[in-house]
């Protein structure tokens, strides 16, 4: 895994993985594939999920959703937030990422019995598949999400 200042972005055109710096990713200039020189499409940036948008953002998502339950005053949440963003970008097209402010969205927080933050929920069609509580490393979070994605693809293939 790259350090937290670098993203791994797979080129949709040639399928080569590119290492892109955070500065380049958020600059006004397009990121370009180092192999085929086409613009890289960056998917997976987190979206704000609310009590009102939970159905459209999570329950009806065609992809598994990593939901980051956080609050602005929580410093461990501030540590996990950038990791979640990096994972979302690196797994773009295979995973949707949302951030749920538990202070502003108490119904959804109560629905999933979120009693401590940060809590990461891995959801499929609104159903909890995995829960990651507390601060974890990016590698640990990515490993658990990859396991869910692999299991989901096997479920789609089996009769």
N, C-alpha and C. Protein backbone atom coordinates (compact mmCIF):
# COMPACT_ATOMS: atom_id res chain seq x y z
N UNK A 1 0.84 -1.19 0.00
CA UNK A 1 0.00 0.00 0.00
C UNK A 1 0.88 1.25 0.00
N UNK A 2 0.46 2.26 -0.73
CA UNK A 2 1.22 3.49 -0.74
C UNK A 2 1.04 4.25 0.55
N UNK A 3 1.89 5.27 0.74
CA UNK A 3 1.70 6.09 1.93
C UNK A 3 0.46 6.96 1.74
N UNK A 4 0.04 7.66 2.77
CA UNK A 4 -1.24 8.36 2.73
C UNK A 4 -1.23 9.56 1.80
N UNK A 5 -0.10 9.92 1.19
CA UNK A 5 -0.06 11.02 0.24
C UNK A 5 -0.14 10.55 -1.20
N UNK A 6 -0.35 9.25 -1.40
CA UNK A 6 -0.35 8.67 -2.74
C UNK A 6 -1.57 7.78 -2.93
N UNK A 7 -2.14 7.81 -4.13
CA UNK A 7 -3.27 6.96 -4.47
C UNK A 7 -2.86 6.03 -5.60
N UNK A 8 -3.42 4.83 -5.61
CA UNK A 8 -3.25 3.90 -6.71
C UNK A 8 -4.53 3.94 -7.54
N UNK A 9 -4.42 4.41 -8.78
CA UNK A 9 -5.58 4.56 -9.65
C UNK A 9 -5.38 3.66 -10.86
N UNK A 10 -6.37 2.80 -11.10
CA UNK A 10 -6.30 1.90 -12.25
C UNK A 10 -6.88 2.61 -13.48
N UNK A 11 -6.16 2.54 -14.57
CA UNK A 11 -6.58 3.17 -15.83
C UNK A 11 -7.70 2.33 -16.44
N UNK A 12 -8.81 2.97 -16.77
CA UNK A 12 -9.95 2.28 -17.37
C UNK A 12 -9.62 1.84 -18.80
N UNK A 13 -8.72 2.54 -19.46
CA UNK A 13 -8.40 2.23 -20.85
C UNK A 13 -7.45 1.04 -20.99
N UNK A 14 -6.37 1.00 -20.20
CA UNK A 14 -5.35 -0.05 -20.38
C UNK A 14 -5.18 -0.96 -19.16
N UNK A 15 -5.90 -0.67 -18.08
CA UNK A 15 -5.90 -1.50 -16.86
C UNK A 15 -4.58 -1.47 -16.09
N UNK A 16 -3.72 -0.48 -16.35
CA UNK A 16 -2.46 -0.34 -15.62
C UNK A 16 -2.72 0.48 -14.36
N UNK A 17 -2.09 0.10 -13.26
CA UNK A 17 -2.22 0.84 -12.01
C UNK A 17 -1.20 1.96 -11.99
N UNK A 18 -1.69 3.16 -11.68
CA UNK A 18 -0.85 4.36 -11.64
C UNK A 18 -0.78 4.89 -10.22
N UNK A 19 0.39 5.35 -9.82
CA UNK A 19 0.59 5.98 -8.51
C UNK A 19 0.47 7.49 -8.72
N UNK A 20 -0.55 8.09 -8.07
CA UNK A 20 -0.84 9.51 -8.24
C UNK A 20 -0.74 10.20 -6.88
N UNK A 21 -0.03 11.31 -6.82
CA UNK A 21 0.10 12.04 -5.55
C UNK A 21 -1.21 12.76 -5.22
N UNK A 22 -1.42 13.01 -3.94
CA UNK A 22 -2.60 13.74 -3.48
C UNK A 22 -2.68 15.11 -4.15
N UNK A 23 -1.54 15.78 -4.27
CA UNK A 23 -1.51 17.11 -4.88
C UNK A 23 -1.97 17.05 -6.34
N UNK A 24 -1.49 16.06 -7.07
CA UNK A 24 -1.86 15.91 -8.47
C UNK A 24 -3.35 15.55 -8.60
N UNK A 25 -3.83 14.72 -7.71
CA UNK A 25 -5.22 14.29 -7.77
C UNK A 25 -6.18 15.45 -7.58
N UNK A 26 -5.81 16.38 -6.69
CA UNK A 26 -6.70 17.50 -6.39
C UNK A 26 -6.32 18.79 -7.11
N UNK A 27 -5.36 18.71 -8.02
CA UNK A 27 -5.00 19.91 -8.78
C UNK A 27 -5.99 20.11 -9.92
N UNK A 28 -5.90 21.24 -10.57
CA UNK A 28 -6.78 21.55 -11.69
C UNK A 28 -6.41 20.73 -12.93
N UNK A 29 -5.21 20.18 -12.97
CA UNK A 29 -4.75 19.43 -14.13
C UNK A 29 -5.23 17.98 -14.04
N UNK A 30 -5.51 17.39 -15.18
CA UNK A 30 -5.94 16.00 -15.20
C UNK A 30 -4.77 15.07 -14.87
N UNK A 31 -5.08 13.99 -14.18
CA UNK A 31 -4.09 12.94 -13.98
C UNK A 31 -4.07 12.10 -15.24
N UNK A 32 -2.89 11.75 -15.70
CA UNK A 32 -2.71 11.03 -16.97
C UNK A 32 -2.07 9.68 -16.68
N UNK A 33 -2.54 8.63 -17.37
CA UNK A 33 -1.96 7.30 -17.25
C UNK A 33 -0.52 7.33 -17.76
N UNK A 34 0.40 6.76 -16.99
CA UNK A 34 1.80 6.71 -17.38
C UNK A 34 2.07 5.73 -18.51
N UNK A 35 1.12 4.84 -18.80
CA UNK A 35 1.33 3.83 -19.83
C UNK A 35 0.69 4.25 -21.16
N UNK A 36 -0.61 4.54 -21.15
CA UNK A 36 -1.30 4.86 -22.41
C UNK A 36 -1.53 6.36 -22.60
N UNK A 37 -1.20 7.16 -21.59
CA UNK A 37 -1.28 8.62 -21.64
C UNK A 37 -2.69 9.17 -21.80
N UNK A 38 -3.69 8.39 -21.40
CA UNK A 38 -5.07 8.87 -21.41
C UNK A 38 -5.41 9.42 -20.03
N UNK A 39 -6.40 10.30 -19.97
CA UNK A 39 -6.80 10.84 -18.65
C UNK A 39 -7.33 9.73 -17.75
N UNK A 40 -6.99 9.80 -16.47
CA UNK A 40 -7.47 8.84 -15.49
C UNK A 40 -8.79 9.33 -14.90
N UNK A 41 -9.75 8.44 -14.82
CA UNK A 41 -11.03 8.76 -14.21
C UNK A 41 -10.94 8.41 -12.73
N UNK A 42 -11.20 9.39 -11.88
CA UNK A 42 -11.12 9.16 -10.44
C UNK A 42 -12.53 9.02 -9.90
N UNK A 43 -12.86 7.81 -9.45
CA UNK A 43 -14.16 7.53 -8.86
C UNK A 43 -13.96 7.26 -7.38
N UNK A 44 -15.05 7.22 -6.66
CA UNK A 44 -15.00 6.75 -5.29
C UNK A 44 -14.86 7.79 -4.21
N UNK A 45 -14.86 9.08 -4.57
CA UNK A 45 -14.79 10.08 -3.51
C UNK A 45 -16.00 9.95 -2.62
N UNK A 46 -15.82 10.12 -1.31
CA UNK A 46 -16.95 9.94 -0.38
C UNK A 46 -18.07 10.95 -0.63
N UNK A 47 -19.30 10.48 -0.43
CA UNK A 47 -20.45 11.36 -0.52
C UNK A 47 -21.06 11.48 0.86
N UNK A 48 -21.65 12.62 1.16
CA UNK A 48 -22.31 12.81 2.44
C UNK A 48 -23.63 12.05 2.42
N UNK A 49 -23.81 11.16 3.38
CA UNK A 49 -25.05 10.39 3.51
C UNK A 49 -25.82 10.97 4.69
N UNK A 50 -27.11 11.15 4.49
CA UNK A 50 -27.98 11.68 5.54
C UNK A 50 -29.10 10.69 5.81
N UNK A 51 -29.87 10.97 6.86
CA UNK A 51 -31.05 10.15 7.13
C UNK A 51 -31.95 10.12 5.90
N UNK A 52 -32.11 11.28 5.26
CA UNK A 52 -33.00 11.40 4.10
C UNK A 52 -32.45 10.72 2.85
N UNK A 53 -31.13 10.70 2.67
CA UNK A 53 -30.55 10.15 1.44
C UNK A 53 -30.08 8.70 1.59
N UNK A 54 -30.25 8.11 2.76
CA UNK A 54 -29.74 6.76 3.00
C UNK A 54 -30.30 5.77 1.99
N UNK A 55 -31.56 5.85 1.69
CA UNK A 55 -32.18 4.91 0.73
C UNK A 55 -31.54 4.98 -0.64
N UNK A 56 -31.38 6.18 -1.17
CA UNK A 56 -30.81 6.32 -2.51
C UNK A 56 -29.30 6.10 -2.53
N UNK A 57 -28.60 6.56 -1.49
CA UNK A 57 -27.14 6.45 -1.47
C UNK A 57 -26.64 5.07 -1.07
N UNK A 58 -27.38 4.37 -0.22
CA UNK A 58 -26.88 3.11 0.33
C UNK A 58 -27.75 1.92 -0.05
N UNK A 59 -29.04 1.98 0.27
CA UNK A 59 -29.91 0.82 0.04
C UNK A 59 -30.06 0.46 -1.44
N UNK A 60 -30.08 1.46 -2.30
CA UNK A 60 -30.25 1.20 -3.73
C UNK A 60 -28.92 1.25 -4.50
N UNK A 61 -27.81 1.24 -3.79
CA UNK A 61 -26.51 1.26 -4.45
C UNK A 61 -26.25 -0.09 -5.12
N UNK A 62 -25.81 -0.07 -6.38
CA UNK A 62 -25.47 -1.33 -7.04
C UNK A 62 -24.14 -1.92 -6.54
N UNK A 63 -23.39 -1.10 -5.79
CA UNK A 63 -22.09 -1.53 -5.26
C UNK A 63 -22.16 -1.66 -3.75
N UNK A 64 -21.26 -2.44 -3.15
CA UNK A 64 -21.16 -2.42 -1.69
C UNK A 64 -20.81 -1.00 -1.24
N UNK A 65 -21.23 -0.65 -0.04
CA UNK A 65 -21.00 0.70 0.48
C UNK A 65 -20.17 0.63 1.75
N UNK A 66 -19.13 1.44 1.81
CA UNK A 66 -18.37 1.65 3.03
C UNK A 66 -18.90 2.94 3.63
N UNK A 67 -19.57 2.84 4.77
CA UNK A 67 -20.16 4.00 5.42
C UNK A 67 -19.35 4.36 6.65
N UNK A 68 -18.78 5.55 6.63
CA UNK A 68 -17.96 6.07 7.72
C UNK A 68 -18.86 6.87 8.65
N UNK A 69 -19.13 6.33 9.83
CA UNK A 69 -19.93 7.04 10.85
C UNK A 69 -18.96 7.86 11.69
N UNK A 70 -19.14 9.18 11.68
CA UNK A 70 -18.17 10.08 12.28
C UNK A 70 -18.87 11.30 12.87
N UNK A 71 -18.08 12.13 13.54
CA UNK A 71 -18.55 13.43 14.03
C UNK A 71 -17.38 14.41 13.91
N UNK A 72 -17.68 15.68 13.66
CA UNK A 72 -16.60 16.65 13.45
C UNK A 72 -15.71 16.89 14.67
N UNK A 73 -16.21 16.65 15.87
CA UNK A 73 -15.44 16.88 17.09
C UNK A 73 -14.56 15.69 17.46
N UNK A 74 -14.68 14.58 16.75
CA UNK A 74 -13.99 13.32 17.10
C UNK A 74 -12.64 13.26 16.40
N UNK A 75 -11.55 13.40 17.17
CA UNK A 75 -10.23 13.38 16.53
C UNK A 75 -9.87 12.02 15.94
N UNK A 76 -10.25 10.87 16.54
CA UNK A 76 -9.98 9.61 15.84
C UNK A 76 -10.70 9.53 14.49
N UNK A 77 -11.88 10.15 14.41
CA UNK A 77 -12.60 10.19 13.13
C UNK A 77 -11.81 10.98 12.10
N UNK A 78 -11.15 12.02 12.54
CA UNK A 78 -10.33 12.83 11.63
C UNK A 78 -9.14 12.03 11.12
N UNK A 79 -8.69 11.06 11.88
CA UNK A 79 -7.58 10.20 11.45
C UNK A 79 -8.06 9.18 10.42
N UNK A 80 -9.25 8.64 10.62
CA UNK A 80 -9.78 7.60 9.75
C UNK A 80 -10.32 8.17 8.44
N UNK A 81 -10.85 9.38 8.47
CA UNK A 81 -11.47 9.99 7.29
C UNK A 81 -10.60 9.97 6.04
N UNK A 82 -9.34 10.43 6.11
CA UNK A 82 -8.49 10.39 4.91
C UNK A 82 -8.21 8.97 4.41
N UNK A 83 -8.12 8.01 5.33
CA UNK A 83 -7.91 6.62 4.92
C UNK A 83 -9.11 6.10 4.14
N UNK A 84 -10.31 6.44 4.63
CA UNK A 84 -11.54 6.02 3.97
C UNK A 84 -11.60 6.64 2.57
N UNK A 85 -11.22 7.90 2.46
CA UNK A 85 -11.22 8.56 1.16
C UNK A 85 -10.25 7.87 0.20
N UNK A 86 -9.06 7.55 0.66
CA UNK A 86 -8.07 6.87 -0.17
C UNK A 86 -8.57 5.51 -0.63
N UNK A 87 -9.17 4.76 0.28
CA UNK A 87 -9.70 3.43 -0.07
C UNK A 87 -10.81 3.57 -1.10
N UNK A 88 -11.68 4.56 -0.92
CA UNK A 88 -12.76 4.77 -1.88
C UNK A 88 -12.25 5.08 -3.27
N UNK A 89 -11.22 5.92 -3.35
CA UNK A 89 -10.66 6.27 -4.65
C UNK A 89 -9.95 5.07 -5.27
N UNK A 90 -9.19 4.35 -4.46
CA UNK A 90 -8.46 3.19 -4.98
C UNK A 90 -9.39 2.06 -5.38
N UNK A 91 -10.55 1.94 -4.74
CA UNK A 91 -11.50 0.88 -5.07
C UNK A 91 -12.67 1.42 -5.89
N UNK A 92 -12.49 2.59 -6.47
CA UNK A 92 -13.54 3.21 -7.28
C UNK A 92 -14.05 2.25 -8.34
N UNK A 93 -15.36 2.22 -8.52
CA UNK A 93 -15.98 1.31 -9.47
C UNK A 93 -16.34 -0.03 -8.87
N UNK A 94 -15.75 -0.36 -7.70
CA UNK A 94 -16.08 -1.61 -7.01
C UNK A 94 -16.72 -1.36 -5.66
N UNK A 95 -16.67 -0.09 -5.21
CA UNK A 95 -17.13 0.26 -3.87
C UNK A 95 -17.63 1.70 -3.88
N UNK A 96 -18.71 1.96 -3.18
CA UNK A 96 -19.19 3.33 -2.98
C UNK A 96 -18.85 3.69 -1.53
N UNK A 97 -18.44 4.94 -1.32
CA UNK A 97 -18.07 5.39 0.02
C UNK A 97 -18.98 6.54 0.44
N UNK A 98 -19.48 6.45 1.66
CA UNK A 98 -20.30 7.51 2.22
C UNK A 98 -19.82 7.88 3.60
N UNK A 99 -20.11 9.12 3.99
CA UNK A 99 -19.77 9.58 5.34
C UNK A 99 -21.05 10.04 6.01
N UNK A 100 -21.34 9.50 7.18
CA UNK A 100 -22.54 9.80 7.93
C UNK A 100 -22.16 10.55 9.20
N UNK A 101 -22.52 11.82 9.28
CA UNK A 101 -22.29 12.60 10.50
C UNK A 101 -23.36 12.16 11.50
N UNK A 102 -22.94 11.46 12.55
CA UNK A 102 -23.89 10.88 13.50
C UNK A 102 -24.63 11.93 14.31
N UNK A 103 -24.02 13.10 14.50
CA UNK A 103 -24.70 14.18 15.24
C UNK A 103 -25.86 14.74 14.45
N UNK A 104 -25.71 14.83 13.14
CA UNK A 104 -26.74 15.41 12.29
C UNK A 104 -27.74 14.38 11.76
N UNK A 105 -27.45 13.10 11.92
CA UNK A 105 -28.29 12.03 11.38
C UNK A 105 -28.52 10.93 12.41
N UNK A 106 -29.24 11.27 13.49
CA UNK A 106 -29.40 10.31 14.58
C UNK A 106 -30.24 9.08 14.24
N UNK A 107 -31.16 9.19 13.29
CA UNK A 107 -32.01 8.03 12.96
C UNK A 107 -31.20 6.89 12.37
N UNK A 108 -30.34 7.21 11.41
CA UNK A 108 -29.52 6.17 10.80
C UNK A 108 -28.51 5.63 11.80
N UNK A 109 -27.92 6.51 12.61
CA UNK A 109 -26.98 6.06 13.64
C UNK A 109 -27.66 5.10 14.62
N UNK A 110 -28.89 5.41 15.00
CA UNK A 110 -29.64 4.53 15.92
C UNK A 110 -30.03 3.23 15.23
N UNK A 111 -30.42 3.30 13.98
CA UNK A 111 -30.82 2.11 13.22
C UNK A 111 -29.70 1.06 13.22
N UNK A 112 -28.44 1.51 13.12
CA UNK A 112 -27.32 0.59 13.10
C UNK A 112 -26.61 0.48 14.45
N UNK A 113 -27.24 1.03 15.49
CA UNK A 113 -26.73 0.93 16.86
C UNK A 113 -25.27 1.37 16.94
N UNK A 114 -24.99 2.54 16.38
CA UNK A 114 -23.63 3.08 16.42
C UNK A 114 -23.46 3.79 17.76
N UNK A 115 -22.70 3.16 18.64
CA UNK A 115 -22.52 3.70 19.98
C UNK A 115 -21.13 4.29 20.21
N UNK A 116 -20.22 4.03 19.28
CA UNK A 116 -18.89 4.64 19.37
C UNK A 116 -18.43 5.00 17.97
N UNK A 117 -17.61 6.01 17.90
CA UNK A 117 -17.08 6.45 16.61
C UNK A 117 -15.57 6.61 16.71
N UNK A 118 -14.87 6.43 15.63
CA UNK A 118 -15.37 6.11 14.30
C UNK A 118 -15.81 4.65 14.19
N UNK A 119 -16.86 4.45 13.41
CA UNK A 119 -17.33 3.12 13.07
C UNK A 119 -17.48 3.09 11.56
N UNK A 120 -16.94 2.07 10.95
CA UNK A 120 -17.09 1.86 9.51
C UNK A 120 -18.02 0.67 9.31
N UNK A 121 -19.07 0.88 8.53
CA UNK A 121 -19.99 -0.19 8.19
C UNK A 121 -19.79 -0.56 6.73
N UNK A 122 -19.72 -1.83 6.45
CA UNK A 122 -19.71 -2.31 5.09
C UNK A 122 -21.11 -2.87 4.85
N UNK A 123 -21.81 -2.27 3.87
CA UNK A 123 -23.21 -2.59 3.63
C UNK A 123 -23.44 -3.05 2.20
N UNK A 124 -24.36 -3.97 2.04
CA UNK A 124 -24.86 -4.37 0.73
C UNK A 124 -26.36 -4.21 0.74
N UNK A 125 -26.87 -3.37 -0.17
CA UNK A 125 -28.30 -3.07 -0.26
C UNK A 125 -28.88 -2.66 1.10
N UNK A 126 -28.09 -1.93 1.87
CA UNK A 126 -28.53 -1.42 3.16
C UNK A 126 -28.40 -2.39 4.31
N UNK A 127 -27.93 -3.60 4.05
CA UNK A 127 -27.77 -4.61 5.09
C UNK A 127 -26.31 -4.66 5.52
N UNK A 128 -26.08 -4.65 6.83
CA UNK A 128 -24.72 -4.67 7.36
C UNK A 128 -24.06 -6.02 7.11
N UNK A 129 -22.87 -5.96 6.48
CA UNK A 129 -22.08 -7.15 6.19
C UNK A 129 -20.89 -7.24 7.15
N UNK A 130 -20.32 -6.09 7.47
CA UNK A 130 -19.17 -6.05 8.37
C UNK A 130 -19.17 -4.71 9.10
N UNK A 131 -18.53 -4.69 10.26
CA UNK A 131 -18.42 -3.49 11.09
C UNK A 131 -16.98 -3.40 11.57
N UNK A 132 -16.39 -2.21 11.41
CA UNK A 132 -15.03 -1.97 11.84
C UNK A 132 -15.09 -0.79 12.81
N UNK A 133 -14.82 -1.05 14.07
CA UNK A 133 -14.92 0.00 15.08
C UNK A 133 -13.53 0.48 15.48
N UNK A 134 -13.42 1.78 15.70
CA UNK A 134 -12.17 2.36 16.16
C UNK A 134 -11.21 2.62 15.02
N UNK A 135 -10.04 3.12 15.38
CA UNK A 135 -9.02 3.45 14.40
C UNK A 135 -8.30 2.16 14.00
N UNK A 136 -8.25 1.92 12.69
CA UNK A 136 -7.57 0.76 12.12
C UNK A 136 -6.60 1.26 11.06
N UNK A 137 -5.68 0.43 10.66
CA UNK A 137 -4.78 0.83 9.58
C UNK A 137 -5.52 0.75 8.25
N UNK A 138 -5.02 1.47 7.28
CA UNK A 138 -5.61 1.45 5.94
C UNK A 138 -5.57 0.03 5.38
N UNK A 139 -4.46 -0.68 5.59
CA UNK A 139 -4.33 -2.04 5.08
C UNK A 139 -5.38 -2.97 5.68
N UNK A 140 -5.63 -2.86 6.98
CA UNK A 140 -6.63 -3.70 7.63
C UNK A 140 -8.03 -3.40 7.10
N UNK A 141 -8.35 -2.13 6.95
CA UNK A 141 -9.66 -1.74 6.43
C UNK A 141 -9.82 -2.26 5.01
N UNK A 142 -8.83 -2.04 4.17
CA UNK A 142 -8.90 -2.46 2.76
C UNK A 142 -9.02 -3.98 2.65
N UNK A 143 -8.32 -4.71 3.50
CA UNK A 143 -8.37 -6.17 3.47
C UNK A 143 -9.78 -6.67 3.78
N UNK A 144 -10.42 -6.07 4.78
CA UNK A 144 -11.77 -6.51 5.16
C UNK A 144 -12.78 -6.16 4.07
N UNK A 145 -12.61 -5.01 3.46
CA UNK A 145 -13.52 -4.62 2.38
C UNK A 145 -13.32 -5.53 1.17
N UNK A 146 -12.08 -5.82 0.82
CA UNK A 146 -11.80 -6.69 -0.32
C UNK A 146 -12.43 -8.06 -0.11
N UNK A 147 -12.41 -8.55 1.10
CA UNK A 147 -13.03 -9.84 1.42
C UNK A 147 -14.53 -9.80 1.13
N UNK A 148 -15.19 -8.71 1.50
CA UNK A 148 -16.62 -8.56 1.25
C UNK A 148 -16.90 -8.46 -0.25
N UNK A 149 -16.07 -7.71 -0.96
CA UNK A 149 -16.26 -7.56 -2.40
C UNK A 149 -16.09 -8.91 -3.10
N UNK A 150 -15.07 -9.66 -2.71
CA UNK A 150 -14.87 -10.99 -3.31
C UNK A 150 -16.05 -11.91 -3.02
N UNK A 151 -16.51 -11.90 -1.78
CA UNK A 151 -17.66 -12.75 -1.42
C UNK A 151 -18.89 -12.34 -2.19
N UNK A 152 -19.08 -11.05 -2.40
CA UNK A 152 -20.23 -10.55 -3.15
C UNK A 152 -20.19 -10.99 -4.59
N UNK A 153 -18.99 -10.98 -5.20
CA UNK A 153 -18.90 -11.40 -6.60
C UNK A 153 -19.17 -12.90 -6.74
N UNK A 154 -18.80 -13.69 -5.73
CA UNK A 154 -19.11 -15.12 -5.76
C UNK A 154 -20.60 -15.34 -5.62
N UNK A 155 -21.28 -14.51 -4.80
CA UNK A 155 -22.73 -14.65 -4.66
C UNK A 155 -23.44 -14.34 -5.97
N UNK A 156 -22.91 -13.37 -6.74
CA UNK A 156 -23.54 -13.01 -8.01
C UNK A 156 -23.38 -14.12 -9.05
N UNK A 157 -22.29 -14.87 -8.98
CA UNK A 157 -22.02 -15.91 -9.96
C UNK A 157 -22.76 -17.19 -9.64
N UNK A 158 -22.91 -17.51 -8.36
CA UNK A 158 -23.51 -18.79 -8.00
C UNK A 158 -25.01 -18.81 -8.33
N UNK A 159 -25.55 -20.01 -8.67
CA UNK A 159 -26.95 -20.13 -9.09
C UNK A 159 -27.92 -19.91 -7.97
